[in-house]
Amino acid sequence: MDIFEIEARGMFSPPNGNHPQSIPDLWRCAPDEEVRTDLPSLSDEELNALGWKGPIQMPPFEGTSYYTHNYEWNKETREYGATELDGFEKRRRVNYQQFWDLLLDGIPGDNGELTGGIAYQKIKNVSMQSLGANTIGTEFIALLSDAKNSHANVEKIQEVLTQIIENIPFTEEELAEIQEIFILSGMFAVYTLA
């Protein structure tokens, strides 16, 4: 069995309850026992009978994200628990640099290539035609610069985001790109587009 097949099986918690891992090629049940080399070829049921628990559902879980939840391994139950983060921690985890990079360059498409930042192009084009849009865009860039340097003014960023959405006529495709950028960067955990 090659490494890709082993990884595809999922993660298993060893008999001592430690964090999930890929099934090892070599394993000794106890110090005085022989080293086993057959674990990767055993079925899930056979592994479970030896005390390995799995495959383990790994985080993030449905309805959770690194940006909204903390995950802790419980050695007793041999499962991950998800705890929602407080507002401070959610704000701290937002990746403003990633938001900015994705806004400029776009999101990875099905082929892995970036979509080109169509929402940013719309903001830029409208800003060239409208002093109001230009002012909002300039303020947003300044606020994001502060946020990337760990000085996010959350209330002001939300206010300007709302103004951008209300005053720039985005297409459905452009709004979908912004929404995906919100998810990828963690902005969704703190800000809304409505």
C-alpha atoms as a PDB file:
ATOM      1  CA  MET A   1       0.000   0.000   0.000  1.00  0.00           C
ATOM      2  CA  ASP A   2       1.545   3.354  -0.978  1.00  0.00           C
ATOM      3  CA  ILE A   3       1.495   6.556   1.085  1.00  0.00           C
ATOM      4  CA  PHE A   4      -1.399   8.051  -0.914  1.00  0.00           C
ATOM      5  CA  GLU A   5      -3.576   5.008  -0.264  1.00  0.00           C
ATOM      6  CA  ILE A   6      -2.707   5.142   3.444  1.00  0.00           C
ATOM      7  CA  GLU A   7      -3.572   8.866   3.622  1.00  0.00           C
ATOM      8  CA  ALA A   8      -6.808   8.274   1.713  1.00  0.00           C
ATOM      9  CA  ARG A   9      -7.937   5.840   4.439  1.00  0.00           C
ATOM     10  CA  GLY A  10      -8.060   8.683   6.921  1.00  0.00           C
ATOM     11  CA  MET A  11      -6.597   9.239  10.332  1.00  0.00           C
ATOM     12  CA  PHE A  12      -6.651   6.832  13.269  1.00  0.00           C
ATOM     13  CA  SER A  13      -6.080   7.410  16.968  1.00  0.00           C
ATOM     14  CA  PRO A  14      -3.514   4.951  18.352  1.00  0.00           C
ATOM     15  CA  PRO A  15      -4.430   2.700  21.283  1.00  0.00           C
ATOM     16  CA  ASN A  16      -3.021   5.180  23.831  1.00  0.00           C
ATOM     17  CA  GLY A  17      -5.616   7.777  22.745  1.00  0.00           C
ATOM     18  CA  ASN A  18      -3.133  10.242  21.232  1.00  0.00           C
ATOM     19  CA  HIS A  19      -3.964  12.537  18.336  1.00  0.00           C
ATOM     20  CA  PRO A  20      -5.026  10.905  15.072  1.00  0.00           C
ATOM     21  CA  GLN A  21      -2.296   9.961  12.644  1.00  0.00           C
ATOM     22  CA  SER A  22      -1.826   8.006   9.452  1.00  0.00           C
ATOM     23  CA  ILE A  23      -1.453   4.275   9.990  1.00  0.00           C
ATOM     24  CA  PRO A  24       2.283   3.646  10.590  1.00  0.00           C
ATOM     25  CA  ASP A  25       4.342   1.106   8.659  1.00  0.00           C
ATOM     26  CA  LEU A  26       5.992  -0.058  11.883  1.00  0.00           C
ATOM     27  CA  TRP A  27       4.225  -0.457  15.221  1.00  0.00           C
ATOM     28  CA  ARG A  28       4.875  -2.253  18.471  1.00  0.00           C
ATOM     29  CA  CYS A  29       1.858  -2.832  20.721  1.00  0.00           C
ATOM     30  CA  ALA A  30       4.026  -3.163  23.838  1.00  0.00           C
ATOM     31  CA  PRO A  31       7.787  -2.898  24.493  1.00  0.00           C
ATOM     32  CA  ASP A  32       8.224  -6.683  24.738  1.00  0.00           C
ATOM     33  CA  GLU A  33       6.247  -7.489  21.568  1.00  0.00           C
ATOM     34  CA  GLU A  34       7.384  -7.908  17.979  1.00  0.00           C
ATOM     35  CA  VAL A  35       7.287  -4.926  15.639  1.00  0.00           C
ATOM     36  CA  ARG A  36       4.297  -5.205  13.345  1.00  0.00           C
ATOM     37  CA  THR A  37       4.635  -4.216   9.699  1.00  0.00           C
ATOM     38  CA  ASP A  38       1.158  -5.219   8.544  1.00  0.00           C
ATOM     39  CA  LEU A  39      -0.961  -2.343   9.928  1.00  0.00           C
ATOM     40  CA  PRO A  40      -1.472  -0.562   6.582  1.00  0.00           C
ATOM     41  CA  SER A  41      -2.863  -3.756   5.047  1.00  0.00           C
ATOM     42  CA  LEU A  42      -5.381  -4.390   7.868  1.00  0.00           C
ATOM     43  CA  SER A  43      -9.051  -3.470   7.519  1.00  0.00           C
ATOM     44  CA  ASP A  44     -10.573  -0.726   9.643  1.00  0.00           C
ATOM     45  CA  GLU A  45     -12.294  -3.399  11.748  1.00  0.00           C
ATOM     46  CA  GLU A  46      -9.012  -5.237  12.346  1.00  0.00           C
ATOM     47  CA  LEU A  47      -7.315  -1.958  13.334  1.00  0.00           C
ATOM     48  CA  ASN A  48     -10.185  -1.153  15.704  1.00  0.00           C
ATOM     49  CA  ALA A  49      -9.784  -4.604  17.284  1.00  0.00           C
ATOM     50  CA  LEU A  50      -6.113  -3.742  17.990  1.00  0.00           C
ATOM     51  CA  GLY A  51      -7.204  -0.567  19.773  1.00  0.00           C
ATOM     52  CA  TRP A  52      -6.823   1.913  16.920  1.00  0.00           C
ATOM     53  CA  LYS A  53      -9.903   4.118  16.593  1.00  0.00           C
ATOM     54  CA  GLY A  54     -10.854   5.409  13.209  1.00  0.00           C
ATOM     55  CA  PRO A  55     -11.101   6.661  10.706  1.00  0.00           C
ATOM     56  CA  ILE A  56     -11.504   9.864  12.736  1.00  0.00           C
ATOM     57  CA  GLN A  57     -13.545  12.762  11.408  1.00  0.00           C
ATOM     58  CA  MET A  58     -11.022  15.575  11.191  1.00  0.00           C
ATOM     59  CA  PRO A  59     -11.852  19.270  11.566  1.00  0.00           C
ATOM     60  CA  PRO A  60     -13.191  21.509  10.315  1.00  0.00           C
ATOM     61  CA  PHE A  61     -16.668  20.062  10.771  1.00  0.00           C
ATOM     62  CA  GLU A  62     -19.778  21.116   8.894  1.00  0.00           C
ATOM     63  CA  GLY A  63     -20.878  24.549  10.076  1.00  0.00           C
ATOM     64  CA  THR A  64     -17.461  25.296  11.570  1.00  0.00           C
ATOM     65  CA  SER A  65     -14.218  26.849  10.370  1.00  0.00           C
ATOM     66  CA  TYR A  66     -10.764  27.691  11.666  1.00  0.00           C
ATOM     67  CA  TYR A  67     -12.004  31.293  11.674  1.00  0.00           C
ATOM     68  CA  THR A  68     -14.998  30.547  13.922  1.00  0.00           C
ATOM     69  CA  HIS A  69     -14.040  27.554  16.065  1.00  0.00           C
ATOM     70  CA  ASN A  70     -11.215  26.030  18.037  1.00  0.00           C
ATOM     71  CA  TYR A  71     -10.709  22.252  17.850  1.00  0.00           C
ATOM     72  CA  GLU A  72      -9.386  20.195  20.726  1.00  0.00           C
ATOM     73  CA  TRP A  73      -8.610  16.501  20.803  1.00  0.00           C
ATOM     74  CA  ASN A  74     -10.211  14.609  23.692  1.00  0.00           C
ATOM     75  CA  LYS A  75      -7.933  11.711  24.584  1.00  0.00           C
ATOM     76  CA  GLU A  76     -10.695   9.994  26.578  1.00  0.00           C
ATOM     77  CA  THR A  77     -13.455  10.028  23.941  1.00  0.00           C
ATOM     78  CA  ARG A  78     -10.918  10.024  21.107  1.00  0.00           C
ATOM     79  CA  GLU A  79     -12.848  12.649  19.222  1.00  0.00           C
ATOM     80  CA  TYR A  80     -12.383  16.308  18.391  1.00  0.00           C
ATOM     81  CA  GLY A  81     -14.559  18.866  20.098  1.00  0.00           C
ATOM     82  CA  ALA A  82     -15.384  22.202  18.508  1.00  0.00           C
ATOM     83  CA  THR A  83     -15.711  25.330  20.623  1.00  0.00           C
ATOM     84  CA  GLU A  84     -16.906  28.578  19.112  1.00  0.00           C
ATOM     85  CA  LEU A  85     -14.391  31.388  19.383  1.00  0.00           C
ATOM     86  CA  ASP A  86     -15.229  34.634  21.134  1.00  0.00           C
ATOM     87  CA  GLY A  87     -15.472  37.840  19.113  1.00  0.00           C
ATOM     88  CA  PHE A  88     -11.935  38.938  19.941  1.00  0.00           C
ATOM     89  CA  GLU A  89     -10.406  35.684  18.700  1.00  0.00           C
ATOM     90  CA  LYS A  90     -12.535  35.724  15.522  1.00  0.00           C
ATOM     91  CA  ARG A  91     -11.308  39.249  14.762  1.00  0.00           C
ATOM     92  CA  ARG A  92      -7.727  38.181  15.455  1.00  0.00           C
ATOM     93  CA  ARG A  93      -7.922  35.247  13.040  1.00  0.00           C
ATOM     94  CA  VAL A  94      -9.211  37.194  10.029  1.00  0.00           C
ATOM     95  CA  ASN A  95      -6.524  37.078   7.344  1.00  0.00           C
ATOM     96  CA  TYR A  96      -6.694  40.597   5.921  1.00  0.00           C
ATOM     97  CA  GLN A  97      -3.627  40.073   3.731  1.00  0.00           C
ATOM     98  CA  GLN A  98      -5.248  37.044   2.108  1.00  0.00           C
ATOM     99  CA  PHE A  99      -8.469  39.020   1.637  1.00  0.00           C
ATOM    100  CA  TRP A 100      -6.556  41.775  -0.134  1.00  0.00           C
ATOM    101  CA  ASP A 101      -4.504  39.380  -2.283  1.00  0.00           C
ATOM    102  CA  LEU A 102      -7.595  37.442  -3.373  1.00  0.00           C
ATOM    103  CA  LEU A 103      -9.534  40.642  -4.042  1.00  0.00           C
ATOM    104  CA  LEU A 104      -6.736  41.831  -6.347  1.00  0.00           C
ATOM    105  CA  ASP A 105      -5.969  38.533  -8.093  1.00  0.00           C
ATOM    106  CA  GLY A 106      -9.226  36.598  -7.773  1.00  0.00           C
ATOM    107  CA  ILE A 107      -9.971  33.152  -6.418  1.00  0.00           C
ATOM    108  CA  PRO A 108      -8.576  29.848  -7.685  1.00  0.00           C
ATOM    109  CA  GLY A 109     -10.810  28.448 -10.420  1.00  0.00           C
ATOM    110  CA  ASP A 110     -11.457  24.783 -11.225  1.00  0.00           C
ATOM    111  CA  ASN A 111      -8.137  24.602 -13.090  1.00  0.00           C
ATOM    112  CA  GLY A 112      -6.261  26.218 -10.185  1.00  0.00           C
ATOM    113  CA  GLU A 113      -5.690  29.500 -12.004  1.00  0.00           C
ATOM    114  CA  LEU A 114      -6.834  32.747 -10.388  1.00  0.00           C
ATOM    115  CA  THR A 115      -9.997  34.381 -11.735  1.00  0.00           C
ATOM    116  CA  GLY A 116      -8.386  37.794 -12.134  1.00  0.00           C
ATOM    117  CA  GLY A 117     -10.087  39.815  -9.420  1.00  0.00           C
ATOM    118  CA  ILE A 118     -13.257  40.771 -11.291  1.00  0.00           C
ATOM    119  CA  ALA A 119     -14.825  42.402  -8.212  1.00  0.00           C
ATOM    120  CA  TYR A 120     -11.726  44.548  -7.690  1.00  0.00           C
ATOM    121  CA  GLN A 121     -11.795  45.563 -11.358  1.00  0.00           C
ATOM    122  CA  LYS A 122     -15.425  46.668 -10.906  1.00  0.00           C
ATOM    123  CA  ILE A 123     -14.531  48.726  -7.816  1.00  0.00           C
ATOM    124  CA  LYS A 124     -11.617  50.286  -9.688  1.00  0.00           C
ATOM    125  CA  ASN A 125     -13.667  51.076 -12.811  1.00  0.00           C
ATOM    126  CA  VAL A 126     -16.553  52.610 -10.864  1.00  0.00           C
ATOM    127  CA  SER A 127     -14.080  54.568  -8.712  1.00  0.00           C
ATOM    128  CA  MET A 128     -12.676  56.208 -11.858  1.00  0.00           C
ATOM    129  CA  GLN A 129     -16.149  57.427 -12.795  1.00  0.00           C
ATOM    130  CA  SER A 130     -17.520  58.483  -9.400  1.00  0.00           C
ATOM    131  CA  LEU A 131     -15.983  60.686  -6.731  1.00  0.00           C
ATOM    132  CA  GLY A 132     -18.202  59.027  -4.091  1.00  0.00           C
ATOM    133  CA  ALA A 133     -17.074  55.516  -5.082  1.00  0.00           C
ATOM    134  CA  ASN A 134     -13.473  56.732  -5.212  1.00  0.00           C
ATOM    135  CA  THR A 135     -13.751  58.106  -1.677  1.00  0.00           C
ATOM    136  CA  ILE A 136     -15.246  54.857  -0.367  1.00  0.00           C
ATOM    137  CA  GLY A 137     -12.611  52.784  -2.168  1.00  0.00           C
ATOM    138  CA  THR A 138      -9.764  54.927  -0.863  1.00  0.00           C
ATOM    139  CA  GLU A 139     -11.080  54.710   2.683  1.00  0.00           C
ATOM    140  CA  PHE A 140     -11.428  50.937   2.356  1.00  0.00           C
ATOM    141  CA  ILE A 141      -7.825  50.573   1.169  1.00  0.00           C
ATOM    142  CA  ALA A 142      -6.594  52.676   4.109  1.00  0.00           C
ATOM    143  CA  LEU A 143      -8.648  50.647   6.600  1.00  0.00           C
ATOM    144  CA  LEU A 144      -7.368  47.362   5.143  1.00  0.00           C
ATOM    145  CA  SER A 145      -3.785  48.606   5.376  1.00  0.00           C
ATOM    146  CA  ASP A 146      -4.303  49.269   9.082  1.00  0.00           C
ATOM    147  CA  ALA A 147      -6.021  45.874   9.509  1.00  0.00           C
ATOM    148  CA  LYS A 148      -3.119  44.055   7.826  1.00  0.00           C
ATOM    149  CA  ASN A 149      -0.887  45.686  10.455  1.00  0.00           C
ATOM    150  CA  SER A 150      -3.044  44.343  13.320  1.00  0.00           C
ATOM    151  CA  HIS A 151      -5.007  47.575  13.802  1.00  0.00           C
ATOM    152  CA  ALA A 152      -8.421  46.645  12.406  1.00  0.00           C
ATOM    153  CA  ASN A 153     -11.203  49.155  13.001  1.00  0.00           C
ATOM    154  CA  VAL A 154     -13.977  46.571  12.716  1.00  0.00           C
ATOM    155  CA  GLU A 155     -16.899  48.994  12.927  1.00  0.00           C
ATOM    156  CA  LYS A 156     -15.462  51.320  10.288  1.00  0.00           C
ATOM    157  CA  ILE A 157     -14.528  48.446   7.951  1.00  0.00           C
ATOM    158  CA  GLN A 158     -18.093  47.102   8.217  1.00  0.00           C
ATOM    159  CA  GLU A 159     -19.504  50.560   7.502  1.00  0.00           C
ATOM    160  CA  VAL A 160     -17.354  50.973   4.386  1.00  0.00           C
ATOM    161  CA  LEU A 161     -18.076  47.413   3.191  1.00  0.00           C
ATOM    162  CA  THR A 162     -21.788  48.167   3.418  1.00  0.00           C
ATOM    163  CA  GLN A 163     -21.282  51.394   1.436  1.00  0.00           C
ATOM    164  CA  ILE A 164     -19.319  49.533  -1.239  1.00  0.00           C
ATOM    165  CA  ILE A 165     -22.018  46.864  -1.641  1.00  0.00           C
ATOM    166  CA  GLU A 166     -24.790  49.496  -1.720  1.00  0.00           C
ATOM    167  CA  ASN A 167     -23.067  51.893  -4.131  1.00  0.00           C
ATOM    168  CA  ILE A 168     -21.244  49.713  -6.636  1.00  0.00           C
ATOM    169  CA  PRO A 169     -23.443  47.755  -9.069  1.00  0.00           C
ATOM    170  CA  PHE A 170     -21.833  44.326  -8.781  1.00  0.00           C
ATOM    171  CA  THR A 171     -22.962  41.468 -11.005  1.00  0.00           C
ATOM    172  CA  GLU A 172     -23.944  38.134  -9.444  1.00  0.00           C
ATOM    173  CA  GLU A 173     -20.566  36.726 -10.516  1.00  0.00           C
ATOM    174  CA  GLU A 174     -18.674  39.591  -8.871  1.00  0.00           C
ATOM    175  CA  LEU A 175     -20.684  39.241  -5.648  1.00  0.00           C
ATOM    176  CA  ALA A 176     -20.053  35.483  -5.672  1.00  0.00           C
ATOM    177  CA  GLU A 177     -16.325  36.167  -5.943  1.00  0.00           C
ATOM    178  CA  ILE A 178     -16.455  38.570  -2.993  1.00  0.00           C
ATOM    179  CA  GLN A 179     -18.423  36.022  -0.945  1.00  0.00           C
ATOM    180  CA  GLU A 180     -15.863  33.305  -1.701  1.00  0.00           C
ATOM    181  CA  ILE A 181     -13.026  35.675  -0.755  1.00  0.00           C
ATOM    182  CA  PHE A 182     -14.867  36.393   2.503  1.00  0.00           C
ATOM    183  CA  ILE A 183     -14.959  32.663   3.267  1.00  0.00           C
ATOM    184  CA  LEU A 184     -11.351  31.924   2.288  1.00  0.00           C
ATOM    185  CA  SER A 185      -9.926  34.815   4.320  1.00  0.00           C
ATOM    186  CA  GLY A 186     -12.174  34.509   7.372  1.00  0.00           C
ATOM    187  CA  MET A 187     -13.840  37.894   6.846  1.00  0.00           C
ATOM    188  CA  PHE A 188     -17.238  36.162   7.077  1.00  0.00           C
ATOM    189  CA  ALA A 189     -16.635  35.442  10.767  1.00  0.00           C
ATOM    190  CA  VAL A 190     -16.654  39.161  11.600  1.00  0.00           C
ATOM    191  CA  TYR A 191     -18.207  41.084   8.699  1.00  0.00           C
ATOM    192  CA  THR A 192     -21.309  40.872   6.531  1.00  0.00           C
ATOM    193  CA  LEU A 193     -22.003  41.879   2.962  1.00  0.00           C
ATOM    194  CA  ALA A 194     -25.600  42.886   3.673  1.00  0.00           C
END
